[in-house]
């Protein structure tokens, strides 16, 4: 798992979070918006999806890479909750996720 590829995945998720989030929800029906919005990073996102769906982390990584169009395995350093970190300045995607449930 290369850091450069992880950064590419995270960058694509940041740019297209709303679109990709709903694709993830379609792909993995067992996952809810709060699982996605509160993941701290791409690695945490993968783990949360894998735990809920009982798929392997590698399978989830592969599906996420396909959704964002980046090769390599997604990982990232620890940080803010994923949905909040990916929002526009002043926007908290995590709040929207809770309201949408």
N, C-alpha and C. Protein backbone atom coordinates (compact mmCIF):
# COMPACT_ATOMS: atom_id res chain seq x y z
N UNK A 1 0.84 -1.18 0.00
CA UNK A 1 0.00 0.00 0.00
C UNK A 1 0.88 1.24 0.00
N UNK A 2 0.81 1.98 -1.06
CA UNK A 2 1.66 3.16 -1.20
C UNK A 2 0.94 4.41 -0.72
N UNK A 3 1.70 5.28 -0.09
CA UNK A 3 1.15 6.54 0.42
C UNK A 3 0.62 7.41 -0.70
N UNK A 4 1.30 7.42 -1.84
CA UNK A 4 0.87 8.24 -2.97
C UNK A 4 -0.52 7.79 -3.46
N UNK A 5 -0.73 6.49 -3.56
CA UNK A 5 -2.03 5.99 -3.99
C UNK A 5 -3.11 6.32 -2.97
N UNK A 6 -2.77 6.21 -1.68
CA UNK A 6 -3.72 6.56 -0.63
C UNK A 6 -4.12 8.02 -0.74
N UNK A 7 -3.16 8.89 -1.03
CA UNK A 7 -3.46 10.31 -1.19
C UNK A 7 -4.36 10.55 -2.40
N UNK A 8 -4.14 9.80 -3.46
CA UNK A 8 -4.99 9.94 -4.65
C UNK A 8 -6.43 9.54 -4.34
N UNK A 9 -6.59 8.43 -3.62
CA UNK A 9 -7.93 7.98 -3.26
C UNK A 9 -8.61 9.03 -2.39
N UNK A 10 -7.89 9.51 -1.38
CA UNK A 10 -8.49 10.51 -0.49
C UNK A 10 -8.83 11.79 -1.25
N UNK A 11 -7.97 12.21 -2.16
CA UNK A 11 -8.23 13.42 -2.95
C UNK A 11 -9.50 13.25 -3.78
N UNK A 12 -9.64 12.10 -4.43
CA UNK A 12 -10.84 11.86 -5.22
C UNK A 12 -12.09 11.84 -4.36
N UNK A 13 -11.98 11.24 -3.16
CA UNK A 13 -13.11 11.22 -2.26
C UNK A 13 -13.48 12.62 -1.80
N UNK A 14 -12.47 13.44 -1.53
CA UNK A 14 -12.73 14.82 -1.11
C UNK A 14 -13.47 15.59 -2.22
N UNK A 15 -13.03 15.41 -3.44
CA UNK A 15 -13.61 16.17 -4.55
C UNK A 15 -15.02 15.72 -4.89
N UNK A 16 -15.29 14.44 -4.71
CA UNK A 16 -16.58 13.89 -5.15
C UNK A 16 -17.30 13.15 -4.04
N UNK A 17 -17.17 13.61 -2.80
CA UNK A 17 -17.68 12.85 -1.65
C UNK A 17 -19.16 12.52 -1.78
N UNK A 18 -20.01 13.48 -2.07
CA UNK A 18 -21.45 13.20 -2.12
C UNK A 18 -21.78 12.14 -3.17
N UNK A 19 -21.20 12.26 -4.33
CA UNK A 19 -21.44 11.28 -5.40
C UNK A 19 -20.92 9.90 -5.01
N UNK A 20 -19.69 9.84 -4.53
CA UNK A 20 -19.08 8.56 -4.18
C UNK A 20 -19.77 7.94 -2.97
N UNK A 21 -20.16 8.77 -2.02
CA UNK A 21 -20.83 8.25 -0.82
C UNK A 21 -22.08 7.46 -1.20
N UNK A 22 -22.88 8.00 -2.10
CA UNK A 22 -24.10 7.30 -2.47
C UNK A 22 -23.82 6.05 -3.31
N UNK A 23 -22.75 6.06 -4.06
CA UNK A 23 -22.35 4.84 -4.77
C UNK A 23 -21.92 3.76 -3.78
N UNK A 24 -21.21 4.17 -2.74
CA UNK A 24 -20.80 3.22 -1.70
C UNK A 24 -22.04 2.64 -1.02
N UNK A 25 -22.99 3.49 -0.70
CA UNK A 25 -24.22 3.02 -0.06
C UNK A 25 -24.98 2.06 -0.97
N UNK A 26 -24.97 2.31 -2.27
CA UNK A 26 -25.61 1.39 -3.22
C UNK A 26 -24.85 0.07 -3.30
N UNK A 27 -23.54 0.14 -3.31
CA UNK A 27 -22.69 -1.06 -3.44
C UNK A 27 -22.77 -1.94 -2.19
N UNK A 28 -22.82 -1.30 -1.02
CA UNK A 28 -22.79 -2.02 0.25
C UNK A 28 -24.03 -1.66 1.05
N UNK A 29 -25.11 -2.40 0.84
CA UNK A 29 -26.41 -2.07 1.43
C UNK A 29 -26.41 -2.12 2.96
N UNK A 30 -25.52 -2.86 3.56
CA UNK A 30 -25.48 -2.99 5.01
C UNK A 30 -24.90 -1.75 5.71
N UNK A 31 -24.29 -0.87 4.94
CA UNK A 31 -23.61 0.31 5.48
C UNK A 31 -24.59 1.48 5.51
N UNK A 32 -24.51 2.29 6.57
CA UNK A 32 -25.37 3.49 6.64
C UNK A 32 -24.50 4.74 6.50
N UNK A 33 -25.15 5.87 6.31
CA UNK A 33 -24.41 7.10 6.08
C UNK A 33 -23.49 7.46 7.23
N UNK A 34 -23.90 7.19 8.47
CA UNK A 34 -23.03 7.53 9.60
C UNK A 34 -21.76 6.69 9.59
N UNK A 35 -21.82 5.45 9.11
CA UNK A 35 -20.61 4.63 8.98
C UNK A 35 -19.61 5.32 8.06
N UNK A 36 -20.10 5.93 7.01
CA UNK A 36 -19.23 6.59 6.04
C UNK A 36 -18.77 7.95 6.54
N UNK A 37 -19.69 8.74 7.05
CA UNK A 37 -19.38 10.11 7.43
C UNK A 37 -18.42 10.23 8.60
N UNK A 38 -18.42 9.26 9.48
CA UNK A 38 -17.60 9.38 10.68
C UNK A 38 -16.33 8.55 10.64
N UNK A 39 -16.03 7.94 9.50
CA UNK A 39 -14.74 7.27 9.34
C UNK A 39 -13.65 8.33 9.39
N UNK A 40 -12.56 8.04 10.11
CA UNK A 40 -11.49 9.03 10.30
C UNK A 40 -10.59 9.18 9.09
N UNK A 41 -10.50 8.15 8.27
CA UNK A 41 -9.64 8.18 7.09
C UNK A 41 -10.05 7.04 6.18
N UNK A 42 -9.37 6.89 5.08
CA UNK A 42 -9.74 5.87 4.10
C UNK A 42 -9.60 4.47 4.70
N UNK A 43 -8.54 4.24 5.47
CA UNK A 43 -8.36 2.93 6.10
C UNK A 43 -9.49 2.61 7.05
N UNK A 44 -9.92 3.60 7.84
CA UNK A 44 -11.04 3.41 8.76
C UNK A 44 -12.32 3.18 7.98
N UNK A 45 -12.49 3.89 6.88
CA UNK A 45 -13.66 3.70 6.02
C UNK A 45 -13.71 2.26 5.51
N UNK A 46 -12.59 1.77 5.03
CA UNK A 46 -12.51 0.38 4.53
C UNK A 46 -12.88 -0.59 5.65
N UNK A 47 -12.32 -0.38 6.82
CA UNK A 47 -12.57 -1.29 7.94
C UNK A 47 -14.04 -1.27 8.36
N UNK A 48 -14.64 -0.08 8.41
CA UNK A 48 -16.05 0.02 8.78
C UNK A 48 -16.94 -0.71 7.77
N UNK A 49 -16.65 -0.53 6.50
CA UNK A 49 -17.45 -1.21 5.47
C UNK A 49 -17.25 -2.72 5.56
N UNK A 50 -16.00 -3.15 5.71
CA UNK A 50 -15.71 -4.58 5.81
C UNK A 50 -16.41 -5.21 7.02
N UNK A 51 -16.39 -4.53 8.14
CA UNK A 51 -17.04 -5.04 9.35
C UNK A 51 -18.55 -5.19 9.16
N UNK A 52 -19.17 -4.21 8.54
CA UNK A 52 -20.63 -4.24 8.35
C UNK A 52 -21.06 -5.26 7.30
N UNK A 53 -20.25 -5.41 6.27
CA UNK A 53 -20.66 -6.26 5.14
C UNK A 53 -20.11 -7.67 5.20
N UNK A 54 -19.14 -7.89 6.08
CA UNK A 54 -18.46 -9.18 6.20
C UNK A 54 -17.67 -9.54 4.95
N UNK A 55 -17.31 -8.51 4.16
CA UNK A 55 -16.39 -8.70 3.04
C UNK A 55 -14.97 -8.49 3.57
N UNK A 56 -13.99 -8.98 2.86
CA UNK A 56 -12.60 -8.73 3.25
C UNK A 56 -12.25 -7.27 3.01
N UNK A 57 -11.28 -6.78 3.77
CA UNK A 57 -10.83 -5.41 3.55
C UNK A 57 -10.28 -5.23 2.15
N UNK A 58 -9.61 -6.24 1.62
CA UNK A 58 -9.06 -6.16 0.26
C UNK A 58 -10.18 -5.98 -0.76
N UNK A 59 -11.27 -6.73 -0.58
CA UNK A 59 -12.42 -6.61 -1.48
C UNK A 59 -12.98 -5.18 -1.43
N UNK A 60 -13.15 -4.65 -0.22
CA UNK A 60 -13.68 -3.31 -0.05
C UNK A 60 -12.74 -2.28 -0.67
N UNK A 61 -11.43 -2.45 -0.44
CA UNK A 61 -10.44 -1.54 -1.04
C UNK A 61 -10.56 -1.52 -2.55
N UNK A 62 -10.69 -2.70 -3.13
CA UNK A 62 -10.80 -2.82 -4.58
C UNK A 62 -12.04 -2.10 -5.09
N UNK A 63 -13.17 -2.31 -4.42
CA UNK A 63 -14.41 -1.63 -4.83
C UNK A 63 -14.28 -0.12 -4.71
N UNK A 64 -13.67 0.37 -3.62
CA UNK A 64 -13.50 1.82 -3.46
C UNK A 64 -12.60 2.39 -4.54
N UNK A 65 -11.53 1.68 -4.87
CA UNK A 65 -10.62 2.15 -5.91
C UNK A 65 -11.35 2.23 -7.24
N UNK A 66 -12.22 1.27 -7.51
CA UNK A 66 -13.00 1.31 -8.75
C UNK A 66 -13.96 2.50 -8.75
N UNK A 67 -14.56 2.77 -7.60
CA UNK A 67 -15.52 3.88 -7.51
C UNK A 67 -14.86 5.24 -7.73
N UNK A 68 -13.61 5.39 -7.27
CA UNK A 68 -12.94 6.68 -7.42
C UNK A 68 -11.99 6.70 -8.59
N UNK A 69 -11.74 5.55 -9.22
CA UNK A 69 -10.89 5.51 -10.40
C UNK A 69 -9.42 5.65 -10.11
N UNK A 70 -8.96 5.13 -8.97
CA UNK A 70 -7.56 5.19 -8.59
C UNK A 70 -7.06 3.79 -8.32
N UNK A 71 -5.83 3.49 -8.76
CA UNK A 71 -5.22 2.19 -8.48
C UNK A 71 -4.49 2.21 -7.17
N UNK A 72 -4.26 1.04 -6.59
CA UNK A 72 -3.52 0.93 -5.33
C UNK A 72 -4.46 0.75 -4.16
N UNK A 73 -3.91 0.54 -3.00
CA UNK A 73 -4.70 0.27 -1.81
C UNK A 73 -4.90 1.54 -0.99
N UNK A 74 -6.12 1.84 -0.60
CA UNK A 74 -6.37 3.08 0.13
C UNK A 74 -6.04 2.99 1.61
N UNK A 75 -5.17 3.87 2.07
CA UNK A 75 -4.91 4.07 3.48
C UNK A 75 -4.58 5.54 3.65
N UNK A 76 -4.73 6.03 4.86
CA UNK A 76 -4.42 7.43 5.11
C UNK A 76 -4.12 7.62 6.58
N UNK A 77 -3.41 8.66 6.93
CA UNK A 77 -3.14 8.93 8.34
C UNK A 77 -4.41 9.27 9.10
N UNK A 78 -4.35 9.13 10.44
CA UNK A 78 -5.50 9.44 11.29
C UNK A 78 -5.85 10.91 11.14
N UNK A 79 -7.11 11.23 11.29
CA UNK A 79 -7.54 12.62 11.18
C UNK A 79 -8.94 12.81 11.71
N UNK A 80 -9.62 13.83 11.21
CA UNK A 80 -10.99 14.12 11.60
C UNK A 80 -11.91 13.02 11.08
N UNK A 81 -13.15 12.98 11.58
CA UNK A 81 -14.11 12.06 10.96
C UNK A 81 -14.16 12.30 9.45
N UNK A 82 -14.25 11.23 8.72
CA UNK A 82 -14.10 11.27 7.27
C UNK A 82 -15.07 12.22 6.60
N UNK A 83 -16.35 12.12 6.89
CA UNK A 83 -17.34 12.97 6.25
C UNK A 83 -17.13 14.43 6.56
N UNK A 84 -16.78 14.76 7.78
CA UNK A 84 -16.53 16.14 8.15
C UNK A 84 -15.29 16.65 7.45
N UNK A 85 -14.23 15.84 7.43
CA UNK A 85 -12.98 16.24 6.80
C UNK A 85 -13.15 16.45 5.30
N UNK A 86 -14.11 15.76 4.70
CA UNK A 86 -14.28 15.85 3.26
C UNK A 86 -15.22 16.97 2.83
N UNK A 87 -15.89 17.60 3.77
CA UNK A 87 -16.85 18.64 3.42
C UNK A 87 -16.17 19.93 2.99
N UNK A 88 -16.96 20.81 2.43
CA UNK A 88 -16.49 22.13 2.06
C UNK A 88 -16.32 22.94 3.33
N UNK A 89 -15.52 24.00 3.31
CA UNK A 89 -15.36 24.82 4.52
C UNK A 89 -16.73 25.26 5.04
N UNK A 90 -16.94 25.03 6.34
CA UNK A 90 -18.20 25.42 6.96
C UNK A 90 -19.31 24.41 6.80
N UNK A 91 -19.09 23.35 6.04
CA UNK A 91 -20.12 22.34 5.81
C UNK A 91 -19.75 21.08 6.56
N UNK A 92 -20.70 20.51 7.28
CA UNK A 92 -20.44 19.28 7.98
C UNK A 92 -21.28 18.18 7.35
N UNK A 93 -20.64 17.38 6.54
CA UNK A 93 -21.34 16.31 5.85
C UNK A 93 -21.90 15.32 6.85
N UNK A 94 -21.18 15.12 7.95
CA UNK A 94 -21.65 14.21 8.99
C UNK A 94 -23.03 14.58 9.51
N UNK A 95 -23.30 15.85 9.68
CA UNK A 95 -24.61 16.30 10.10
C UNK A 95 -25.67 15.93 9.07
N UNK A 96 -25.36 16.13 7.80
CA UNK A 96 -26.31 15.80 6.75
C UNK A 96 -26.61 14.31 6.76
N UNK A 97 -25.57 13.50 6.99
CA UNK A 97 -25.77 12.05 7.02
C UNK A 97 -26.73 11.63 8.12
N UNK A 98 -26.62 12.24 9.31
CA UNK A 98 -27.52 11.89 10.40
C UNK A 98 -28.94 12.34 10.10
N UNK A 99 -29.09 13.49 9.48
CA UNK A 99 -30.42 13.98 9.18
C UNK A 99 -31.10 13.13 8.12
N UNK A 100 -30.31 12.55 7.23
CA UNK A 100 -30.86 11.77 6.13
C UNK A 100 -31.30 10.38 6.51
N UNK A 101 -31.06 9.96 7.75
CA UNK A 101 -31.41 8.59 8.13
C UNK A 101 -32.82 8.49 8.64
